[in-house]
Amino acid sequence: MFSKIGKNIYDMFIFFCLCLLSLNVVFGGDEVKLVSVTEGDSVTLNPDFSEMLKEKILWRFGHSKVIIATLYGKNNYKIHADNADGRFRDRLKLDHQTGSLTITNITTTDSGLYKVFNSSSATPLNTFNLTVYARLPVPVISSSSSQISSSSSSSGSPVSKCVLLCSAVNVSHVTLSWYKGNSLLSGISVSDLSISLSLPLDIECLDDSYSCVINNPISNQTTHLNNTELCRPCSDYIHCCGSTEAVIRLVLSALVGVAAFAVLVHDIRSRSLQQNKRKQTSTSNSD
């Protein structure tokens, strides 16, 4: 009985601790707000402490918690432009009414944690995790070194294909994809490193439904395949290759027909010769 009561008490204690932890995450504590922005834009980090501006407020950057701005009440504030290696010089604005921090002309090196503290607590009032994505280039479509390759269609006739490349240089945290209309054909992704990406595509002819798209979580750039110098238009392809295929099929059908007729004639002649031989044999026997 005692062990059962002890287990119940232990279970209640664990449940109580979990409830306290949940309350700390929801109603306070170091809740992290995710913010994403494109390089070159501006971003404003808005804290939610309208009741606490009577105390000294500190904005800190990075894991080292370097102070980049301070606010004393609602009338006295300071930007610490030389801190954090001077990276924020002439790019920070602090709203002395709300405590909001604005970063202008933002760069990828500005990515990181931004925390707001007051003078009476070591726990941050707000934490912002800022991610700055590089501005996306427009993907470039070109032909590869082997522009035309030969293959066979289902009918056995040769088919010419365009081998194309979609490329983007010096990119990171992006996905490069080929689409036909709204259907994804293929894709390739890169995470941390800044590299050049190329994605090949084999098509039989050109129409306006093909496109190459580069995207990250907050933006994208699209290039449509409309260069007739890279690949034969589908209208020409269907007219040329469709007519050729029809002629080939017609010739094959004619050859098959001639062969069948020859077999039929040969069969008729063979039967006729056999019948004549039988008649001659029966006539000789009767004599």
C-alpha atoms as a PDB file:
ATOM      1  CA  MET A   1       0.000   0.000   0.000  1.00  0.00           C
ATOM      2  CA  PHE A   2       2.791   2.384   0.925  1.00  0.00           C
ATOM      3  CA  SER A   3       4.677   1.797  -2.319  1.00  0.00           C
ATOM      4  CA  LYS A   4       1.527   2.476  -4.327  1.00  0.00           C
ATOM      5  CA  ILE A   5       0.907   5.750  -2.441  1.00  0.00           C
ATOM      6  CA  GLY A   6       4.544   6.736  -2.935  1.00  0.00           C
ATOM      7  CA  LYS A   7       4.296   6.090  -6.669  1.00  0.00           C
ATOM      8  CA  ASN A   8       1.148   8.223  -6.895  1.00  0.00           C
ATOM      9  CA  ILE A   9       2.882  11.077  -5.083  1.00  0.00           C
ATOM     10  CA  TYR A  10       5.879  10.792  -7.396  1.00  0.00           C
ATOM     11  CA  ASP A  11       3.631  10.857 -10.480  1.00  0.00           C
ATOM     12  CA  MET A  12       1.827  13.942  -9.156  1.00  0.00           C
ATOM     13  CA  PHE A  13       5.158  15.652  -8.519  1.00  0.00           C
ATOM     14  CA  ILE A  14       6.352  15.000 -12.072  1.00  0.00           C
ATOM     15  CA  PHE A  15       3.043  16.265 -13.466  1.00  0.00           C
ATOM     16  CA  PHE A  16       3.313  19.419 -11.352  1.00  0.00           C
ATOM     17  CA  CYS A  17       6.854  20.083 -12.587  1.00  0.00           C
ATOM     18  CA  LEU A  18       5.768  19.665 -16.202  1.00  0.00           C
ATOM     19  CA  CYS A  19       2.916  22.112 -15.668  1.00  0.00           C
ATOM     20  CA  LEU A  20       5.311  24.696 -14.216  1.00  0.00           C
ATOM     21  CA  LEU A  21       7.638  24.236 -17.178  1.00  0.00           C
ATOM     22  CA  SER A  22       4.767  24.716 -19.633  1.00  0.00           C
ATOM     23  CA  LEU A  23       3.630  27.861 -17.853  1.00  0.00           C
ATOM     24  CA  ASN A  24       7.152  29.243 -17.978  1.00  0.00           C
ATOM     25  CA  VAL A  25       7.355  28.688 -21.740  1.00  0.00           C
ATOM     26  CA  VAL A  26       3.917  30.165 -22.489  1.00  0.00           C
ATOM     27  CA  PHE A  27       3.675  33.082 -20.054  1.00  0.00           C
ATOM     28  CA  GLY A  28       7.256  34.120 -19.638  1.00  0.00           C
ATOM     29  CA  GLY A  29      10.792  32.868 -19.658  1.00  0.00           C
ATOM     30  CA  ASP A  30      13.045  32.907 -22.682  1.00  0.00           C
ATOM     31  CA  GLU A  31      10.541  32.390 -25.489  1.00  0.00           C
ATOM     32  CA  VAL A  32      12.266  32.769 -28.863  1.00  0.00           C
ATOM     33  CA  LYS A  33      10.602  34.739 -31.671  1.00  0.00           C
ATOM     34  CA  LEU A  34      11.758  33.791 -35.169  1.00  0.00           C
ATOM     35  CA  VAL A  35      12.319  36.678 -37.602  1.00  0.00           C
ATOM     36  CA  SER A  36      13.432  36.355 -41.255  1.00  0.00           C
ATOM     37  CA  VAL A  37      14.441  39.146 -43.636  1.00  0.00           C
ATOM     38  CA  THR A  38      16.242  39.634 -46.973  1.00  0.00           C
ATOM     39  CA  GLU A  39      19.683  41.232 -47.152  1.00  0.00           C
ATOM     40  CA  GLY A  40      19.543  44.990 -47.767  1.00  0.00           C
ATOM     41  CA  ASP A  41      16.103  45.448 -46.171  1.00  0.00           C
ATOM     42  CA  SER A  42      15.237  46.840 -42.741  1.00  0.00           C
ATOM     43  CA  VAL A  43      13.735  44.986 -39.800  1.00  0.00           C
ATOM     44  CA  THR A  44      12.139  46.139 -36.548  1.00  0.00           C
ATOM     45  CA  LEU A  45      12.220  43.962 -33.436  1.00  0.00           C
ATOM     46  CA  ASN A  46       9.220  44.764 -31.263  1.00  0.00           C
ATOM     47  CA  PRO A  47       9.387  43.808 -27.568  1.00  0.00           C
ATOM     48  CA  ASP A  48       6.178  43.434 -25.591  1.00  0.00           C
ATOM     49  CA  PHE A  49       6.862  45.151 -22.255  1.00  0.00           C
ATOM     50  CA  SER A  50       4.815  48.366 -22.244  1.00  0.00           C
ATOM     51  CA  GLU A  51       4.627  48.238 -18.433  1.00  0.00           C
ATOM     52  CA  MET A  52       8.393  47.971 -17.801  1.00  0.00           C
ATOM     53  CA  LEU A  53       9.905  51.060 -19.427  1.00  0.00           C
ATOM     54  CA  LYS A  54      10.502  52.714 -16.048  1.00  0.00           C
ATOM     55  CA  GLU A  55      13.507  50.438 -15.604  1.00  0.00           C
ATOM     56  CA  LYS A  56      16.734  50.421 -17.549  1.00  0.00           C
ATOM     57  CA  ILE A  57      16.330  48.345 -20.734  1.00  0.00           C
ATOM     58  CA  LEU A  58      19.268  46.718 -22.524  1.00  0.00           C
ATOM     59  CA  TRP A  59      19.426  45.260 -26.023  1.00  0.00           C
ATOM     60  CA  ARG A  60      22.108  42.575 -26.371  1.00  0.00           C
ATOM     61  CA  PHE A  61      23.380  40.830 -29.502  1.00  0.00           C
ATOM     62  CA  GLY A  62      24.817  37.354 -30.024  1.00  0.00           C
ATOM     63  CA  HIS A  63      25.743  34.594 -27.626  1.00  0.00           C
ATOM     64  CA  SER A  64      28.283  36.906 -25.973  1.00  0.00           C
ATOM     65  CA  LYS A  65      25.401  39.297 -25.158  1.00  0.00           C
ATOM     66  CA  VAL A  66      27.186  42.445 -26.332  1.00  0.00           C
ATOM     67  CA  ILE A  67      25.163  45.559 -25.439  1.00  0.00           C
ATOM     68  CA  ILE A  68      24.135  47.442 -28.599  1.00  0.00           C
ATOM     69  CA  ALA A  69      21.455  49.801 -27.178  1.00  0.00           C
ATOM     70  CA  THR A  70      20.163  50.983 -23.797  1.00  0.00           C
ATOM     71  CA  LEU A  71      17.008  52.791 -22.774  1.00  0.00           C
ATOM     72  CA  TYR A  72      16.457  54.653 -19.472  1.00  0.00           C
ATOM     73  CA  GLY A  73      12.756  55.255 -18.965  1.00  0.00           C
ATOM     74  CA  LYS A  74      11.103  56.898 -21.966  1.00  0.00           C
ATOM     75  CA  ASN A  75      13.351  59.883 -22.533  1.00  0.00           C
ATOM     76  CA  ASN A  76      16.955  58.760 -22.312  1.00  0.00           C
ATOM     77  CA  TYR A  77      18.447  56.208 -24.677  1.00  0.00           C
ATOM     78  CA  LYS A  78      21.806  55.411 -26.247  1.00  0.00           C
ATOM     79  CA  ILE A  79      23.063  53.446 -29.261  1.00  0.00           C
ATOM     80  CA  HIS A  80      26.381  51.695 -28.597  1.00  0.00           C
ATOM     81  CA  ALA A  81      27.670  51.983 -32.162  1.00  0.00           C
ATOM     82  CA  ASP A  82      31.214  50.794 -31.471  1.00  0.00           C
ATOM     83  CA  ASN A  83      30.177  47.542 -29.789  1.00  0.00           C
ATOM     84  CA  ALA A  84      29.904  44.233 -31.682  1.00  0.00           C
ATOM     85  CA  ASP A  85      32.966  45.167 -33.777  1.00  0.00           C
ATOM     86  CA  GLY A  86      31.196  48.321 -34.942  1.00  0.00           C
ATOM     87  CA  ARG A  87      29.048  46.335 -37.386  1.00  0.00           C
ATOM     88  CA  PHE A  88      25.884  48.265 -36.467  1.00  0.00           C
ATOM     89  CA  ARG A  89      27.378  51.752 -36.801  1.00  0.00           C
ATOM     90  CA  ASP A  90      24.822  54.187 -38.297  1.00  0.00           C
ATOM     91  CA  ARG A  91      22.321  51.338 -38.793  1.00  0.00           C
ATOM     92  CA  LEU A  92      20.451  51.139 -35.459  1.00  0.00           C
ATOM     93  CA  LYS A  93      17.392  53.103 -34.385  1.00  0.00           C
ATOM     94  CA  LEU A  94      15.733  52.811 -30.966  1.00  0.00           C
ATOM     95  CA  ASP A  95      12.155  53.900 -30.331  1.00  0.00           C
ATOM     96  CA  HIS A  96      12.255  55.514 -26.874  1.00  0.00           C
ATOM     97  CA  GLN A  97       8.476  55.159 -26.527  1.00  0.00           C
ATOM     98  CA  THR A  98       8.155  51.421 -27.177  1.00  0.00           C
ATOM     99  CA  GLY A  99      11.722  50.150 -26.913  1.00  0.00           C
ATOM    100  CA  SER A 100      11.595  48.729 -30.467  1.00  0.00           C
ATOM    101  CA  LEU A 101      14.946  48.272 -32.210  1.00  0.00           C
ATOM    102  CA  THR A 102      15.260  48.857 -35.978  1.00  0.00           C
ATOM    103  CA  ILE A 103      18.212  47.617 -38.037  1.00  0.00           C
ATOM    104  CA  THR A 104      18.612  49.222 -41.471  1.00  0.00           C
ATOM    105  CA  ASN A 105      20.533  48.022 -44.559  1.00  0.00           C
ATOM    106  CA  ILE A 106      20.754  44.606 -42.970  1.00  0.00           C
ATOM    107  CA  THR A 107      23.487  42.094 -43.889  1.00  0.00           C
ATOM    108  CA  THR A 108      23.901  38.341 -43.452  1.00  0.00           C
ATOM    109  CA  THR A 109      26.392  38.949 -40.607  1.00  0.00           C
ATOM    110  CA  ASP A 110      23.533  40.497 -38.619  1.00  0.00           C
ATOM    111  CA  SER A 111      21.935  37.063 -38.213  1.00  0.00           C
ATOM    112  CA  GLY A 112      21.823  35.858 -34.623  1.00  0.00           C
ATOM    113  CA  LEU A 113      20.126  36.292 -31.255  1.00  0.00           C
ATOM    114  CA  TYR A 114      18.846  39.661 -30.031  1.00  0.00           C
ATOM    115  CA  LYS A 115      17.791  39.739 -26.372  1.00  0.00           C
ATOM    116  CA  VAL A 116      16.079  42.390 -24.276  1.00  0.00           C
ATOM    117  CA  PHE A 117      16.888  42.627 -20.540  1.00  0.00           C
ATOM    118  CA  ASN A 118      15.898  44.957 -17.750  1.00  0.00           C
ATOM    119  CA  SER A 119      18.219  46.036 -14.972  1.00  0.00           C
ATOM    120  CA  SER A 120      16.546  43.915 -12.298  1.00  0.00           C
ATOM    121  CA  SER A 121      16.574  40.477 -13.963  1.00  0.00           C
ATOM    122  CA  ALA A 122      19.128  38.180 -15.570  1.00  0.00           C
ATOM    123  CA  THR A 123      16.384  36.490 -17.589  1.00  0.00           C
ATOM    124  CA  PRO A 124      15.649  38.095 -20.980  1.00  0.00           C
ATOM    125  CA  LEU A 125      12.269  39.730 -21.389  1.00  0.00           C
ATOM    126  CA  ASN A 126      12.263  38.872 -25.109  1.00  0.00           C
ATOM    127  CA  THR A 127      14.517  36.880 -27.411  1.00  0.00           C
ATOM    128  CA  PHE A 128      14.567  37.281 -31.200  1.00  0.00           C
ATOM    129  CA  ASN A 129      16.326  34.816 -33.496  1.00  0.00           C
ATOM    130  CA  LEU A 130      17.025  36.843 -36.645  1.00  0.00           C
ATOM    131  CA  THR A 131      17.915  35.091 -39.920  1.00  0.00           C
ATOM    132  CA  VAL A 132      19.105  37.231 -42.833  1.00  0.00           C
ATOM    133  CA  TYR A 133      18.920  35.573 -46.262  1.00  0.00           C
ATOM    134  CA  ALA A 134      21.072  36.750 -49.161  1.00  0.00           C
ATOM    135  CA  ARG A 135      19.199  38.371 -52.028  1.00  0.00           C
ATOM    136  CA  LEU A 136      18.471  35.728 -54.653  1.00  0.00           C
ATOM    137  CA  PRO A 137      20.008  35.944 -58.126  1.00  0.00           C
ATOM    138  CA  VAL A 138      17.928  35.349 -61.245  1.00  0.00           C
ATOM    139  CA  PRO A 139      18.639  31.785 -62.454  1.00  0.00           C
ATOM    140  CA  VAL A 140      20.296  31.503 -65.884  1.00  0.00           C
ATOM    141  CA  ILE A 141      19.248  28.883 -68.452  1.00  0.00           C
ATOM    142  CA  SER A 142      21.815  27.736 -71.011  1.00  0.00           C
ATOM    143  CA  SER A 143      22.631  24.714 -73.154  1.00  0.00           C
ATOM    144  CA  SER A 144      25.134  22.177 -71.892  1.00  0.00           C
ATOM    145  CA  SER A 145      28.205  21.025 -73.836  1.00  0.00           C
ATOM    146  CA  SER A 146      26.184  18.183 -75.413  1.00  0.00           C
ATOM    147  CA  GLN A 147      23.149  20.126 -76.543  1.00  0.00           C
ATOM    148  CA  ILE A 148      21.634  17.432 -78.762  1.00  0.00           C
ATOM    149  CA  SER A 149      21.494  13.784 -77.786  1.00  0.00           C
ATOM    150  CA  SER A 150      19.906  10.846 -79.597  1.00  0.00           C
ATOM    151  CA  SER A 151      17.492   8.387 -78.099  1.00  0.00           C
ATOM    152  CA  SER A 152      14.580   6.249 -79.261  1.00  0.00           C
ATOM    153  CA  SER A 153      10.887   6.832 -78.860  1.00  0.00           C
ATOM    154  CA  SER A 154       8.345   4.138 -78.058  1.00  0.00           C
ATOM    155  CA  SER A 155       7.877   3.612 -81.796  1.00  0.00           C
ATOM    156  CA  GLY A 156      11.591   2.942 -82.270  1.00  0.00           C
ATOM    157  CA  SER A 157      12.244   6.133 -84.279  1.00  0.00           C
ATOM    158  CA  PRO A 158      15.139   8.424 -83.255  1.00  0.00           C
ATOM    159  CA  VAL A 159      14.298  11.524 -81.190  1.00  0.00           C
ATOM    160  CA  SER A 160      16.508  14.603 -80.656  1.00  0.00           C
ATOM    161  CA  LYS A 161      16.576  16.078 -77.128  1.00  0.00           C
ATOM    162  CA  CYS A 162      17.765  19.416 -75.781  1.00  0.00           C
ATOM    163  CA  VAL A 163      20.071  19.127 -72.765  1.00  0.00           C
ATOM    164  CA  LEU A 164      19.714  22.360 -70.770  1.00  0.00           C
ATOM    165  CA  LEU A 165      21.274  23.718 -67.586  1.00  0.00           C
ATOM    166  CA  CYS A 166      19.765  26.082 -65.032  1.00  0.00           C
ATOM    167  CA  SER A 167      22.482  27.756 -62.937  1.00  0.00           C
ATOM    168  CA  ALA A 168      22.903  30.141 -59.998  1.00  0.00           C
ATOM    169  CA  VAL A 169      26.221  31.325 -58.535  1.00  0.00           C
ATOM    170  CA  ASN A 170      27.304  32.124 -54.962  1.00  0.00           C
ATOM    171  CA  VAL A 171      24.132  30.950 -53.242  1.00  0.00           C
ATOM    172  CA  SER A 172      23.360  29.325 -49.892  1.00  0.00           C
ATOM    173  CA  HIS A 173      20.224  28.096 -48.112  1.00  0.00           C
ATOM    174  CA  VAL A 174      18.395  27.758 -51.438  1.00  0.00           C
ATOM    175  CA  THR A 175      16.650  25.194 -53.631  1.00  0.00           C
ATOM    176  CA  LEU A 176      17.015  25.167 -57.427  1.00  0.00           C
ATOM    177  CA  SER A 177      14.154  23.450 -59.294  1.00  0.00           C
ATOM    178  CA  TRP A 178      12.795  22.739 -62.786  1.00  0.00           C
ATOM    179  CA  TYR A 179       9.023  23.015 -63.281  1.00  0.00           C
ATOM    180  CA  LYS A 180       6.652  22.181 -66.127  1.00  0.00           C
ATOM    181  CA  GLY A 181       3.648  24.311 -65.413  1.00  0.00           C
ATOM    182  CA  ASN A 182       2.981  23.766 -61.707  1.00  0.00           C
ATOM    183  CA  SER A 183       4.520  20.279 -61.669  1.00  0.00           C
ATOM    184  CA  LEU A 184       7.950  19.836 -60.094  1.00  0.00           C
ATOM    185  CA  LEU A 185      10.321  17.925 -62.411  1.00  0.00           C
ATOM    186  CA  SER A 186      13.554  17.955 -60.375  1.00  0.00           C
ATOM    187  CA  GLY A 187      15.367  19.948 -57.705  1.00  0.00           C
ATOM    188  CA  ILE A 188      18.629  20.374 -55.794  1.00  0.00           C
ATOM    189  CA  SER A 189      19.284  22.128 -52.453  1.00  0.00           C
ATOM    190  CA  VAL A 190      22.260  23.651 -50.637  1.00  0.00           C
ATOM    191  CA  SER A 191      22.444  24.742 -47.000  1.00  0.00           C
ATOM    192  CA  ASP A 192      25.405  26.537 -45.422  1.00  0.00           C
ATOM    193  CA  LEU A 193      28.123  26.914 -48.041  1.00  0.00           C
ATOM    194  CA  SER A 194      28.067  29.636 -50.683  1.00  0.00           C
ATOM    195  CA  ILE A 195      28.469  27.675 -53.911  1.00  0.00           C
ATOM    196  CA  SER A 196      27.352  27.558 -57.533  1.00  0.00           C
ATOM    197  CA  LEU A 197      24.458  25.276 -58.445  1.00  0.00           C
ATOM    198  CA  SER A 198      23.560  23.738 -61.810  1.00  0.00           C
ATOM    199  CA  LEU A 199      20.580  21.538 -62.598  1.00  0.00           C
ATOM    200  CA  PRO A 200      20.248  19.737 -65.974  1.00  0.00           C
ATOM    201  CA  LEU A 201      17.028  19.087 -67.856  1.00  0.00           C
ATOM    202  CA  ASP A 202      16.377  16.955 -70.971  1.00  0.00           C
ATOM    203  CA  ILE A 203      13.416  18.007 -73.113  1.00  0.00           C
ATOM    204  CA  GLU A 204      12.317  17.089 -76.639  1.00  0.00           C
ATOM    205  CA  CYS A 205      11.098  20.538 -77.649  1.00  0.00           C
ATOM    206  CA  LEU A 206      10.506  24.031 -76.308  1.00  0.00           C
ATOM    207  CA  ASP A 207       7.215  25.455 -75.074  1.00  0.00           C
ATOM    208  CA  ASP A 208       6.350  28.180 -72.567  1.00  0.00           C
ATOM    209  CA  SER A 209       5.478  25.792 -69.726  1.00  0.00           C
ATOM    210  CA  TYR A 210       9.068  25.106 -68.566  1.00  0.00           C
ATOM    211  CA  SER A 211      10.654  27.295 -65.903  1.00  0.00           C
ATOM    212  CA  CYS A 212      13.566  27.254 -63.457  1.00  0.00           C
ATOM    213  CA  VAL A 213      12.976  28.538 -59.913  1.00  0.00           C
ATOM    214  CA  ILE A 214      15.416  29.396 -57.132  1.00  0.00           C
ATOM    215  CA  ASN A 215      13.928  29.948 -53.696  1.00  0.00           C
ATOM    216  CA  ASN A 216      14.666  30.221 -49.990  1.00  0.00           C
ATOM    217  CA  PRO A 217      12.122  30.262 -47.139  1.00  0.00           C
ATOM    218  CA  ILE A 218      11.078  33.885 -47.786  1.00  0.00           C
ATOM    219  CA  SER A 219      11.542  34.664 -51.507  1.00  0.00           C
ATOM    220  CA  ASN A 220      12.036  33.215 -54.985  1.00  0.00           C
ATOM    221  CA  GLN A 221      13.221  34.085 -58.499  1.00  0.00           C
ATOM    222  CA  THR A 222      11.907  32.463 -61.706  1.00  0.00           C
ATOM    223  CA  THR A 223      13.250  32.219 -65.260  1.00  0.00           C
ATOM    224  CA  HIS A 224      10.977  30.887 -68.022  1.00  0.00           C
ATOM    225  CA  LEU A 225      12.409  28.835 -70.871  1.00  0.00           C
ATOM    226  CA  ASN A 226      11.598  30.878 -73.977  1.00  0.00           C
ATOM    227  CA  ASN A 227      14.860  30.965 -75.933  1.00  0.00           C
ATOM    228  CA  THR A 228      14.324  29.212 -79.265  1.00  0.00           C
ATOM    229  CA  GLU A 229      18.089  29.226 -79.907  1.00  0.00           C
ATOM    230  CA  LEU A 230      18.526  26.665 -77.131  1.00  0.00           C
ATOM    231  CA  CYS A 231      15.873  24.223 -78.281  1.00  0.00           C
ATOM    232  CA  ARG A 232      13.538  23.666 -81.233  1.00  0.00           C
ATOM    233  CA  PRO A 233       9.983  24.944 -80.633  1.00  0.00           C
ATOM    234  CA  CYS A 234       7.394  22.213 -80.175  1.00  0.00           C
ATOM    235  CA  SER A 235       5.409  23.490 -83.171  1.00  0.00           C
ATOM    236  CA  ASP A 236       8.393  22.892 -85.486  1.00  0.00           C
ATOM    237  CA  TYR A 237       9.247  19.641 -83.739  1.00  0.00           C
ATOM    238  CA  ILE A 238       5.738  18.234 -84.182  1.00  0.00           C
ATOM    239  CA  HIS A 239       5.558  19.386 -87.839  1.00  0.00           C
ATOM    240  CA  CYS A 240       8.960  17.999 -88.760  1.00  0.00           C
ATOM    241  CA  CYS A 241       9.340  14.949 -86.632  1.00  0.00           C
ATOM    242  CA  GLY A 242       5.655  14.102 -86.641  1.00  0.00           C
ATOM    243  CA  SER A 243       5.565  14.105 -90.460  1.00  0.00           C
ATOM    244  CA  THR A 244       8.751  12.019 -90.655  1.00  0.00           C
ATOM    245  CA  GLU A 245       7.372   9.475 -88.251  1.00  0.00           C
ATOM    246  CA  ALA A 246       4.131   9.296 -90.239  1.00  0.00           C
ATOM    247  CA  VAL A 247       6.068   8.679 -93.474  1.00  0.00           C
ATOM    248  CA  ILE A 248       8.132   5.953 -91.824  1.00  0.00           C
ATOM    249  CA  ARG A 249       5.001   4.266 -90.511  1.00  0.00           C
ATOM    250  CA  LEU A 250       3.374   4.509 -93.954  1.00  0.00           C
ATOM    251  CA  VAL A 251       6.405   2.931 -95.650  1.00  0.00           C
ATOM    252  CA  LEU A 252       6.547   0.169 -93.060  1.00  0.00           C
ATOM    253  CA  SER A 253       2.832  -0.501 -93.493  1.00  0.00           C
ATOM    254  CA  ALA A 254       3.270  -0.653 -97.264  1.00  0.00           C
ATOM    255  CA  LEU A 255       6.186  -3.097 -96.941  1.00  0.00           C
ATOM    256  CA  VAL A 256       4.171  -5.287 -94.599  1.00  0.00           C
ATOM    257  CA  GLY A 257       1.259  -5.198 -97.045  1.00  0.00           C
ATOM    258  CA  VAL A 258       3.480  -6.145-100.010  1.00  0.00           C
ATOM    259  CA  ALA A 259       5.038  -8.976 -98.009  1.00  0.00           C
ATOM    260  CA  ALA A 260       1.614 -10.295 -97.007  1.00  0.00           C
ATOM    261  CA  PHE A 261       0.418 -10.113-100.614  1.00  0.00           C
ATOM    262  CA  ALA A 262       3.518 -11.994-101.813  1.00  0.00           C
ATOM    263  CA  VAL A 263       2.942 -14.720 -99.229  1.00  0.00           C
ATOM    264  CA  LEU A 264      -0.688 -14.981-100.286  1.00  0.00           C
ATOM    265  CA  VAL A 265       0.212 -15.251-104.005  1.00  0.00           C
ATOM    266  CA  HIS A 266       2.871 -17.850-103.232  1.00  0.00           C
ATOM    267  CA  ASP A 267       0.375 -19.861-101.198  1.00  0.00           C
ATOM    268  CA  ILE A 268      -2.224 -19.745-103.989  1.00  0.00           C
ATOM    269  CA  ARG A 269       0.308 -20.848-106.587  1.00  0.00           C
ATOM    270  CA  SER A 270       1.521 -23.696-104.383  1.00  0.00           C
ATOM    271  CA  ARG A 271      -1.999 -24.990-103.904  1.00  0.00           C
ATOM    272  CA  SER A 272      -2.688 -24.690-107.614  1.00  0.00           C
ATOM    273  CA  LEU A 273       0.435 -26.704-108.483  1.00  0.00           C
ATOM    274  CA  GLN A 274      -0.485 -29.398-105.942  1.00  0.00           C
ATOM    275  CA  GLN A 275      -3.990 -29.697-107.405  1.00  0.00           C
ATOM    276  CA  ASN A 276      -2.597 -30.055-110.964  1.00  0.00           C
ATOM    277  CA  LYS A 277      -0.191 -32.766-109.820  1.00  0.00           C
ATOM    278  CA  ARG A 278      -3.041 -34.664-108.170  1.00  0.00           C
ATOM    279  CA  LYS A 279      -5.141 -34.475-111.334  1.00  0.00           C
ATOM    280  CA  GLN A 280      -2.252 -35.744-113.478  1.00  0.00           C
ATOM    281  CA  THR A 281      -1.637 -38.609-111.033  1.00  0.00           C
ATOM    282  CA  SER A 282      -5.282 -39.670-111.003  1.00  0.00           C
ATOM    283  CA  THR A 283      -5.427 -39.529-114.851  1.00  0.00           C
ATOM    284  CA  SER A 284      -2.368 -41.777-115.167  1.00  0.00           C
ATOM    285  CA  ASN A 285      -3.835 -44.319-112.781  1.00  0.00           C
ATOM    286  CA  SER A 286      -7.101 -44.506-114.682  1.00  0.00           C
ATOM    287  CA  ASP A 287      -5.279 -45.229-117.950  1.00  0.00           C
END
